Amino acid sequence: MPIPGLIDPVTVPRAAAARADGRINLVGLPREAIRAALEEAGLDPSQAKLRAKQLWHQIYNRGATAFAAMSDIAKPLHAWLDERFAIARPEVVEDQRSADGTRKWLLRTADAQDFEMVFIPDADRGTLCVSSQVGCTLNCRFCHTGTMRLVRNLDAGEIVGQVMLARDALGEWPSRPEGRLLTNIVMMGMGEPLYNFEAVRDALAIVMDREGLGLSRRRITLSTSGVVPMMARAGEEIGVNLAVSLHAVTKEVRDEIVPLNRKYGIDELLAACAAYPGANNARRITFEYVMLKGKNDSDADARELVRLLRKYKLPAKVNLIPFNPWPGAPYECSEPERIARFSAIVFEAGISAPVRTPRGRDIGAACGQLKTASEKKSRAELDRVAQAA
């Protein structure tokens, strides 16, 4: 269904392909859609309603990957379900582990498109960095993902499937509210989430559902590079914490490193942040700021950042991110002393400005480093792989 109201569409070269076996994947479907699919397949309405409830519980609470494992559904129905439906997560192609404990998975969709997700463990939390697109269209110059072409949006099942795969790997089934290793989700992986609004919204609805994956919206953050027309709707319809990839405080520099700024400038972006539903001192907006040597890291830049945040009266936290290098990158990371000075200026103005400790650099899992090996393949090669799968 098209999104009503003002949107900012991006041309996506390909839609997700239907499953080769013709089955419908239940992962990512809302409850009502599961019920409707069962009824359309031949179950009477009362049976469809009951089985949809059971399937939902088995998929999202028990982590079932096969109908045969569902003990509360009669065995004669297992084969009927298996013939018509699937419970499919993305395929795990590679699982890498960093020396600091960070894990990065290379994942593959049913139509042979590759993308990545990252899990970052800490003493008091575990954060999963989830992708929303295969590739990206924004071309941010400091970001390795931005050097990829955009292949397509991920669908809701491929997005929520990442969380389920992480639960598989961490042994966190059945789903439970306490004692989790995976405590937080950030939509900061490959792609711009607000250019895939409906799928991100629908996937996060399942993640936040108390009878689904059961994560609180307070523990979920959506990061955008500044798709201004979609920000208010994200606050109203998704309602999670907002992070904004700011990275510069002047038009000239942000135009260069975040080209979307040429469409939605800094003042327009910050005004949208000030209007973001639910933003307050308890739910501050996080501003991501990558530290680039000689580009955006001066004392004057820090003071301008403070001025802008005060001008729009924003309840803000600024994450200072040391630039994570990648082959061919046009920038260098600011010196530690320069980053510390920048942080001190912002802190002295009463705005939190911690310096993020780089994680997973040795496996290319740090912020701005995600780029799949499949990018090296030509479109024709990817088509041949998809046809052979």
Protein backbone atom coordinates (compact mmCIF):
# COMPACT_ATOMS: atom_id res chain seq x y z
CA MET A 1 0.00 0.00 0.00
CA PRO A 2 1.45 3.43 -0.88
CA ILE A 3 2.36 5.73 2.00
CA PRO A 4 -0.10 8.65 2.18
CA GLY A 5 1.20 12.15 2.62
CA LEU A 6 4.53 13.71 1.69
CA ILE A 7 7.21 11.17 0.85
CA ASP A 8 10.59 11.25 -0.80
CA PRO A 9 10.78 8.16 -3.00
CA VAL A 10 14.02 6.62 -4.21
CA THR A 11 14.17 4.49 -7.31
CA VAL A 12 15.11 0.93 -6.33
CA PRO A 13 16.44 -1.14 -9.23
CA ARG A 14 14.82 -4.41 -8.17
CA ALA A 15 12.02 -5.65 -5.97
CA ALA A 16 12.50 -8.74 -3.85
CA ALA A 17 11.94 -11.84 -5.95
CA ALA A 18 9.24 -14.36 -5.07
CA ARG A 19 10.45 -17.63 -3.57
CA ALA A 20 11.43 -20.15 -6.21
CA ASP A 21 9.35 -22.84 -4.50
CA GLY A 22 6.24 -20.64 -4.54
CA ARG A 23 5.75 -20.83 -0.77
CA ILE A 24 4.82 -17.76 1.28
CA ASN A 25 7.33 -16.77 3.95
CA LEU A 26 5.50 -16.14 7.22
CA VAL A 27 8.44 -14.26 8.79
CA GLY A 28 7.72 -10.54 8.62
CA LEU A 29 3.97 -10.86 8.12
CA PRO A 30 1.64 -9.18 10.64
CA ARG A 31 -0.74 -11.45 12.56
CA GLU A 32 -3.70 -10.53 10.38
CA ALA A 33 -1.74 -11.25 7.20
CA ILE A 34 -0.83 -14.71 8.51
CA ARG A 35 -4.48 -15.40 9.32
CA ALA A 36 -5.58 -14.19 5.88
CA ALA A 37 -2.94 -16.32 4.14
CA LEU A 38 -4.09 -19.43 6.01
CA GLU A 39 -7.72 -18.74 5.17
CA GLU A 40 -6.90 -18.13 1.51
CA ALA A 41 -5.01 -21.44 1.47
CA GLY A 42 -8.14 -23.27 2.56
CA LEU A 43 -8.56 -23.21 6.32
CA ASP A 44 -11.95 -22.13 7.62
CA PRO A 45 -11.96 -18.74 9.40
CA SER A 46 -12.01 -20.08 12.99
CA GLN A 47 -9.17 -22.54 12.25
CA ALA A 48 -7.16 -19.84 10.47
CA LYS A 49 -7.47 -17.52 13.47
CA LEU A 50 -6.36 -20.23 15.93
CA ARG A 51 -3.47 -21.45 13.78
CA ALA A 52 -2.26 -17.90 13.11
CA LYS A 53 -2.00 -17.31 16.87
CA GLN A 54 -0.10 -20.57 17.32
CA LEU A 55 2.24 -19.85 14.42
CA TRP A 56 2.98 -16.35 15.71
CA HIS A 57 3.93 -17.73 19.13
CA GLN A 58 6.07 -20.50 17.69
CA ILE A 59 7.92 -18.23 15.25
CA TYR A 60 8.57 -15.23 17.48
CA ASN A 61 8.54 -16.64 20.99
CA ARG A 62 9.93 -20.14 20.48
CA GLY A 63 12.14 -19.40 17.47
CA ALA A 64 10.80 -22.34 15.47
CA THR A 65 12.34 -22.84 12.05
CA ALA A 66 10.19 -25.79 10.94
CA PHE A 67 6.52 -26.64 11.24
CA ALA A 68 7.42 -30.16 12.41
CA ALA A 69 8.86 -28.65 15.60
CA MET A 70 5.52 -27.06 16.54
CA SER A 71 4.13 -29.44 19.17
CA ASP A 72 0.91 -27.47 19.69
CA ILE A 73 -0.12 -27.93 16.05
CA ALA A 74 -1.50 -31.33 15.06
CA LYS A 75 0.97 -33.46 13.09
CA PRO A 76 -1.36 -33.95 10.08
CA LEU A 77 -1.28 -30.17 9.56
CA HIS A 78 2.54 -29.97 9.52
CA ALA A 79 2.85 -31.29 5.96
CA TRP A 80 -0.02 -29.08 4.76
CA LEU A 81 1.71 -25.98 6.16
CA ASP A 82 5.12 -26.99 4.86
CA GLU A 83 3.76 -27.38 1.33
CA ARG A 84 2.37 -23.85 1.27
CA PHE A 85 4.43 -21.77 3.70
CA ALA A 86 8.00 -21.20 4.88
CA ILE A 87 9.65 -19.89 8.05
CA ALA A 88 12.73 -18.44 6.41
CA ARG A 89 15.50 -16.26 7.77
CA PRO A 90 18.25 -14.93 5.49
CA GLU A 91 21.03 -17.41 4.81
CA VAL A 92 24.23 -17.03 6.87
CA VAL A 93 27.14 -16.99 4.41
CA GLU A 94 29.89 -16.01 6.85
CA ASP A 95 30.18 -15.34 10.59
CA GLN A 96 33.26 -13.31 11.57
CA ARG A 97 34.43 -12.53 15.10
CA SER A 98 36.58 -9.59 16.06
CA ALA A 99 39.30 -9.65 18.69
CA ASP A 100 37.08 -7.31 20.76
CA GLY A 101 34.08 -9.66 20.65
CA THR A 102 32.18 -7.92 17.85
CA ARG A 103 30.52 -10.29 15.38
CA LYS A 104 29.71 -9.58 11.74
CA TRP A 105 27.51 -11.79 9.60
CA LEU A 106 27.41 -11.80 5.83
CA LEU A 107 23.82 -12.71 4.96
CA ARG A 108 22.15 -13.70 1.70
CA THR A 109 18.53 -13.27 0.61
CA ALA A 110 16.47 -15.87 -1.24
CA ASP A 111 17.29 -14.05 -4.51
CA ALA A 112 21.04 -14.17 -3.81
CA GLN A 113 21.60 -10.59 -2.64
CA ASP A 114 24.23 -10.14 0.08
CA PHE A 115 24.17 -7.75 3.03
CA GLU A 116 25.62 -7.53 6.54
CA MET A 117 24.63 -7.18 10.18
CA VAL A 118 26.80 -6.63 13.26
CA PHE A 119 26.47 -7.53 16.95
CA ILE A 120 28.41 -5.44 19.49
CA PRO A 121 28.60 -6.91 23.02
CA ASP A 122 29.26 -4.70 26.03
CA ALA A 123 29.29 -5.35 29.77
CA ASP A 124 25.76 -4.01 30.28
CA ARG A 125 24.19 -4.44 26.83
CA GLY A 126 24.40 -6.13 23.47
CA THR A 127 23.56 -4.08 20.39
CA LEU A 128 22.55 -5.46 17.00
CA CYS A 129 23.21 -3.20 14.02
CA VAL A 130 20.52 -4.04 11.45
CA SER A 131 20.51 -3.31 7.71
CA SER A 132 17.49 -1.99 5.81
CA GLN A 133 18.75 -2.10 2.20
CA VAL A 134 21.15 -4.05 0.02
CA GLY A 135 23.65 -1.29 -0.68
CA CYS A 136 22.84 2.38 -0.29
CA THR A 137 21.86 5.34 -2.43
CA LEU A 138 23.21 8.22 -0.32
CA ASN A 139 26.90 8.17 -1.34
CA CYS A 140 28.21 9.67 1.90
CA ARG A 141 31.89 10.11 1.11
CA PHE A 142 33.29 8.87 4.44
CA CYS A 143 31.21 5.67 4.38
CA HIS A 144 32.32 2.46 2.66
CA THR A 145 28.70 1.31 2.25
CA GLY A 146 28.05 4.55 0.38
CA THR A 147 30.44 3.42 -2.37
CA MET A 148 28.06 0.54 -3.19
CA ARG A 149 25.22 0.82 -5.61
CA LEU A 150 21.71 0.36 -4.25
CA VAL A 151 20.39 -3.05 -5.30
CA ARG A 152 17.03 -3.16 -3.52
CA ASN A 153 15.17 -2.63 -0.28
CA LEU A 154 15.04 -5.47 2.21
CA ASP A 155 11.53 -6.64 2.99
CA ALA A 156 10.08 -6.82 6.50
CA GLY A 157 10.93 -10.53 6.80
CA GLU A 158 14.55 -9.91 5.85
CA ILE A 159 14.79 -7.13 8.43
CA VAL A 160 13.13 -8.94 11.35
CA GLY A 161 14.97 -12.09 10.21
CA GLN A 162 18.25 -10.44 11.18
CA VAL A 163 17.09 -10.15 14.79
CA MET A 164 15.95 -13.77 14.73
CA LEU A 165 19.30 -14.93 13.33
CA ALA A 166 21.10 -13.08 16.12
CA ARG A 167 18.84 -14.80 18.65
CA ASP A 168 19.69 -18.13 16.98
CA ALA A 169 23.42 -17.44 17.27
CA LEU A 170 23.19 -16.24 20.87
CA GLY A 171 20.92 -19.08 22.01
CA GLU A 172 18.15 -16.73 23.11
CA TRP A 173 15.06 -18.82 22.43
CA PRO A 174 12.48 -18.94 23.82
CA SER A 175 12.14 -15.18 23.81
CA ARG A 176 12.28 -13.73 27.31
CA PRO A 177 12.32 -10.24 28.83
CA GLU A 178 15.23 -10.74 31.25
CA GLY A 179 18.81 -11.97 30.96
CA ARG A 180 19.20 -11.26 27.27
CA LEU A 181 22.53 -10.77 25.56
CA LEU A 182 20.77 -8.92 22.72
CA THR A 183 19.25 -5.92 24.48
CA ASN A 184 19.33 -3.11 21.89
CA ILE A 185 18.76 -2.66 18.17
CA VAL A 186 20.07 0.14 15.99
CA MET A 187 18.88 0.63 12.42
CA MET A 188 22.37 1.76 11.42
CA GLY A 189 23.48 -1.02 9.09
CA MET A 190 23.53 -0.88 5.31
CA GLY A 191 21.04 1.53 3.74
CA GLU A 192 18.86 4.49 4.71
CA PRO A 193 15.91 3.21 6.81
CA LEU A 194 13.60 6.09 5.89
CA TYR A 195 13.95 5.21 2.19
CA ASN A 196 12.44 1.82 3.09
CA PHE A 197 9.84 3.15 5.49
CA GLU A 198 7.04 0.59 5.31
CA ALA A 199 9.25 -2.49 5.61
CA VAL A 200 11.22 -0.96 8.51
CA ARG A 201 8.02 0.09 10.27
CA ASP A 202 6.41 -3.33 9.86
CA ALA A 203 9.53 -5.21 10.95
CA LEU A 204 10.01 -3.07 14.05
CA ALA A 205 6.34 -3.53 14.96
CA ILE A 206 7.06 -7.26 15.27
CA VAL A 207 10.30 -6.61 17.16
CA MET A 208 8.44 -4.39 19.67
CA ASP A 209 5.33 -6.58 19.99
CA ARG A 210 5.13 -8.02 23.52
CA GLU A 211 3.95 -11.29 22.04
CA GLY A 212 6.51 -10.98 19.25
CA LEU A 213 10.22 -10.43 19.88
CA GLY A 214 9.40 -8.20 22.82
CA LEU A 215 12.04 -5.45 22.75
CA SER A 216 11.04 -2.10 24.23
CA ARG A 217 10.91 0.85 21.84
CA ARG A 218 13.23 2.63 24.29
CA ARG A 219 15.92 0.14 23.28
CA ILE A 220 15.58 0.69 19.53
CA THR A 221 17.22 3.52 17.59
CA LEU A 222 16.59 4.46 13.98
CA SER A 223 19.37 6.38 12.27
CA THR A 224 18.76 8.64 9.29
CA SER A 225 21.02 10.83 7.20
CA GLY A 226 18.21 13.38 7.12
CA VAL A 227 15.25 12.29 4.99
CA VAL A 228 13.26 15.21 6.33
CA PRO A 229 9.82 14.44 4.80
CA MET A 230 9.71 11.05 6.55
CA MET A 231 10.97 12.01 10.00
CA ALA A 232 7.67 13.09 11.56
CA ARG A 233 5.94 9.97 10.27
CA ALA A 234 8.74 7.82 11.67
CA GLY A 235 8.13 9.39 15.09
CA GLU A 236 4.39 8.89 14.89
CA GLU A 237 4.22 5.42 13.31
CA ILE A 238 7.40 3.78 14.63
CA GLY A 239 8.12 5.86 17.72
CA VAL A 240 11.65 4.68 18.48
CA ASN A 241 14.70 6.76 19.41
CA LEU A 242 16.09 8.95 16.64
CA ALA A 243 19.73 9.27 15.58
CA VAL A 244 20.78 11.72 12.89
CA SER A 245 23.96 11.46 10.85
CA LEU A 246 24.98 15.11 11.04
CA HIS A 247 28.78 14.97 10.55
CA ALA A 248 29.23 18.65 9.68
CA VAL A 249 27.93 22.07 10.71
CA THR A 250 28.42 24.08 7.51
CA LYS A 251 26.64 23.72 4.19
CA GLU A 252 29.88 23.48 2.24
CA VAL A 253 31.30 20.57 4.24
CA ARG A 254 28.03 18.66 4.72
CA ASP A 255 27.21 19.02 1.01
CA GLU A 256 30.52 17.28 0.33
CA ILE A 257 30.40 14.43 2.84
CA VAL A 258 26.60 13.89 3.10
CA PRO A 259 25.23 14.75 -0.38
CA LEU A 260 21.62 14.50 0.86
CA ASN A 261 22.33 17.89 2.47
CA ARG A 262 21.96 19.48 -0.97
CA LYS A 263 18.30 18.40 -0.85
CA TYR A 264 17.54 18.91 2.85
CA GLY A 265 19.88 21.43 4.43
CA ILE A 266 21.10 21.63 8.01
CA ASP A 267 18.49 24.12 9.21
CA GLU A 268 15.64 22.15 7.63
CA LEU A 269 16.99 18.96 9.18
CA LEU A 270 17.38 20.43 12.67
CA ALA A 271 13.88 21.93 12.51
CA ALA A 272 12.55 18.44 11.74
CA CYS A 273 14.52 17.10 14.70
CA ALA A 274 12.98 19.74 16.97
CA ALA A 275 9.53 18.62 15.80
CA TYR A 276 10.24 14.89 16.18
CA PRO A 277 7.39 13.33 18.20
CA GLY A 278 8.41 12.27 21.68
CA ALA A 279 11.79 13.99 21.74
CA ASN A 280 12.56 15.33 25.22
CA ASN A 281 15.35 15.35 27.78
CA ALA A 282 14.61 11.75 28.70
CA ARG A 283 14.61 10.74 25.02
CA ARG A 284 17.34 12.85 23.54
CA ILE A 285 18.08 12.86 19.83
CA THR A 286 21.50 11.43 19.10
CA PHE A 287 23.63 13.26 16.57
CA GLU A 288 26.32 11.14 14.94
CA TYR A 289 29.45 13.08 14.07
CA VAL A 290 32.36 11.33 12.34
CA MET A 291 35.70 13.00 13.08
CA LEU A 292 37.57 13.78 9.85
CA LYS A 293 41.04 15.30 10.07
CA GLY A 294 41.11 18.91 8.92
CA LYS A 295 37.57 18.71 7.54
CA ASN A 296 35.03 19.07 10.38
CA ASP A 297 37.04 18.86 13.60
CA SER A 298 38.08 22.44 14.48
CA ASP A 299 37.22 24.40 17.61
CA ALA A 300 35.05 26.63 15.40
CA ASP A 301 33.14 23.55 14.19
CA ALA A 302 32.52 22.47 17.79
CA ARG A 303 31.25 25.93 18.77
CA GLU A 304 28.98 26.07 15.70
CA LEU A 305 27.57 22.67 16.63
CA VAL A 306 26.72 23.99 20.09
CA ARG A 307 25.14 27.11 18.58
CA LEU A 308 22.94 25.09 16.24
CA LEU A 309 21.73 22.70 18.94
CA ARG A 310 20.91 25.65 21.22
CA LYS A 311 19.19 27.55 18.41
CA TYR A 312 16.72 24.72 17.89
CA LYS A 313 16.50 23.92 21.63
CA LEU A 314 17.26 20.30 20.90
CA PRO A 315 17.48 17.70 23.66
CA ALA A 316 20.67 16.26 22.23
CA LYS A 317 23.55 13.88 22.70
CA VAL A 318 26.46 14.01 20.26
CA ASN A 319 28.30 10.77 19.48
CA LEU A 320 31.79 11.61 18.26
CA ILE A 321 32.94 8.78 15.98
CA PRO A 322 36.63 8.42 15.12
CA PHE A 323 36.74 7.81 11.38
CA ASN A 324 37.11 4.12 10.57
CA PRO A 325 39.44 3.65 7.60
CA TRP A 326 38.73 1.56 4.51
CA PRO A 327 40.67 1.02 1.26
CA GLY A 328 40.58 4.10 -0.93
CA ALA A 329 38.94 6.34 1.66
CA PRO A 330 39.47 10.06 0.89
CA TYR A 331 39.76 11.08 4.56
CA GLU A 332 41.86 10.44 7.65
CA CYS A 333 40.79 10.22 11.26
CA SER A 334 41.29 13.26 13.46
CA GLU A 335 44.09 13.03 16.01
CA PRO A 336 43.01 11.80 19.47
CA GLU A 337 43.95 15.15 21.02
CA ARG A 338 41.80 17.02 18.50
CA ILE A 339 38.83 14.74 19.16
CA ALA A 340 39.26 15.23 22.91
CA ARG A 341 39.35 19.02 22.49
CA PHE A 342 36.21 18.97 20.29
CA SER A 343 34.43 16.83 22.88
CA ALA A 344 35.46 19.15 25.72
CA ILE A 345 34.03 22.24 23.98
CA VAL A 346 30.65 20.54 23.50
CA PHE A 347 30.64 19.10 27.04
CA GLU A 348 31.46 22.50 28.52
CA ALA A 349 28.31 23.85 26.84
CA GLY A 350 26.26 21.29 28.77
CA ILE A 351 25.76 18.85 25.90
CA SER A 352 26.88 15.24 26.24
CA ALA A 353 29.57 14.45 23.65
CA PRO A 354 31.18 11.06 24.33
CA VAL A 355 33.80 9.65 21.98
CA ARG A 356 32.71 6.28 20.62
CA THR A 357 35.26 3.51 21.01
CA PRO A 358 35.75 1.86 17.60
CA ARG A 359 34.58 -1.78 17.61
CA GLY A 360 35.18 -4.51 15.06
CA ARG A 361 37.67 -2.61 12.91
CA ASP A 362 39.74 -5.75 12.29
CA ILE A 363 36.80 -7.46 10.54
CA GLY A 364 35.42 -4.38 8.77
CA ALA A 365 32.46 -4.19 11.16
CA ALA A 366 32.97 -0.69 12.54
CA CYS A 367 30.77 2.30 11.75
CA GLY A 368 31.01 3.20 8.05
CA GLN A 369 32.93 0.05 7.08
CA LEU A 370 30.12 -2.27 5.94
CA LYS A 371 30.40 -3.35 2.32
CA THR A 372 29.72 -6.87 1.10
CA ALA A 373 32.10 -8.90 -1.04
CA SER A 374 29.21 -9.36 -3.50
CA GLU A 375 29.70 -5.76 -4.62
CA LYS A 376 32.68 -6.99 -6.62
CA LYS A 377 30.36 -9.06 -8.80
CA SER A 378 28.76 -7.69 -11.92
CA ARG A 379 25.01 -7.50 -12.33
CA ALA A 380 25.16 -10.37 -14.83
CA GLU A 381 27.09 -12.53 -12.36
CA LEU A 382 24.54 -11.86 -9.63
CA ASP A 383 21.74 -12.79 -12.05
CA ARG A 384 23.50 -16.09 -12.84
CA VAL A 385 23.87 -16.83 -9.12
CA ALA A 386 20.19 -16.08 -8.52
CA GLN A 387 19.13 -18.33 -11.40
CA ALA A 388 21.31 -21.17 -10.15
CA ALA A 389 20.09 -20.94 -6.56
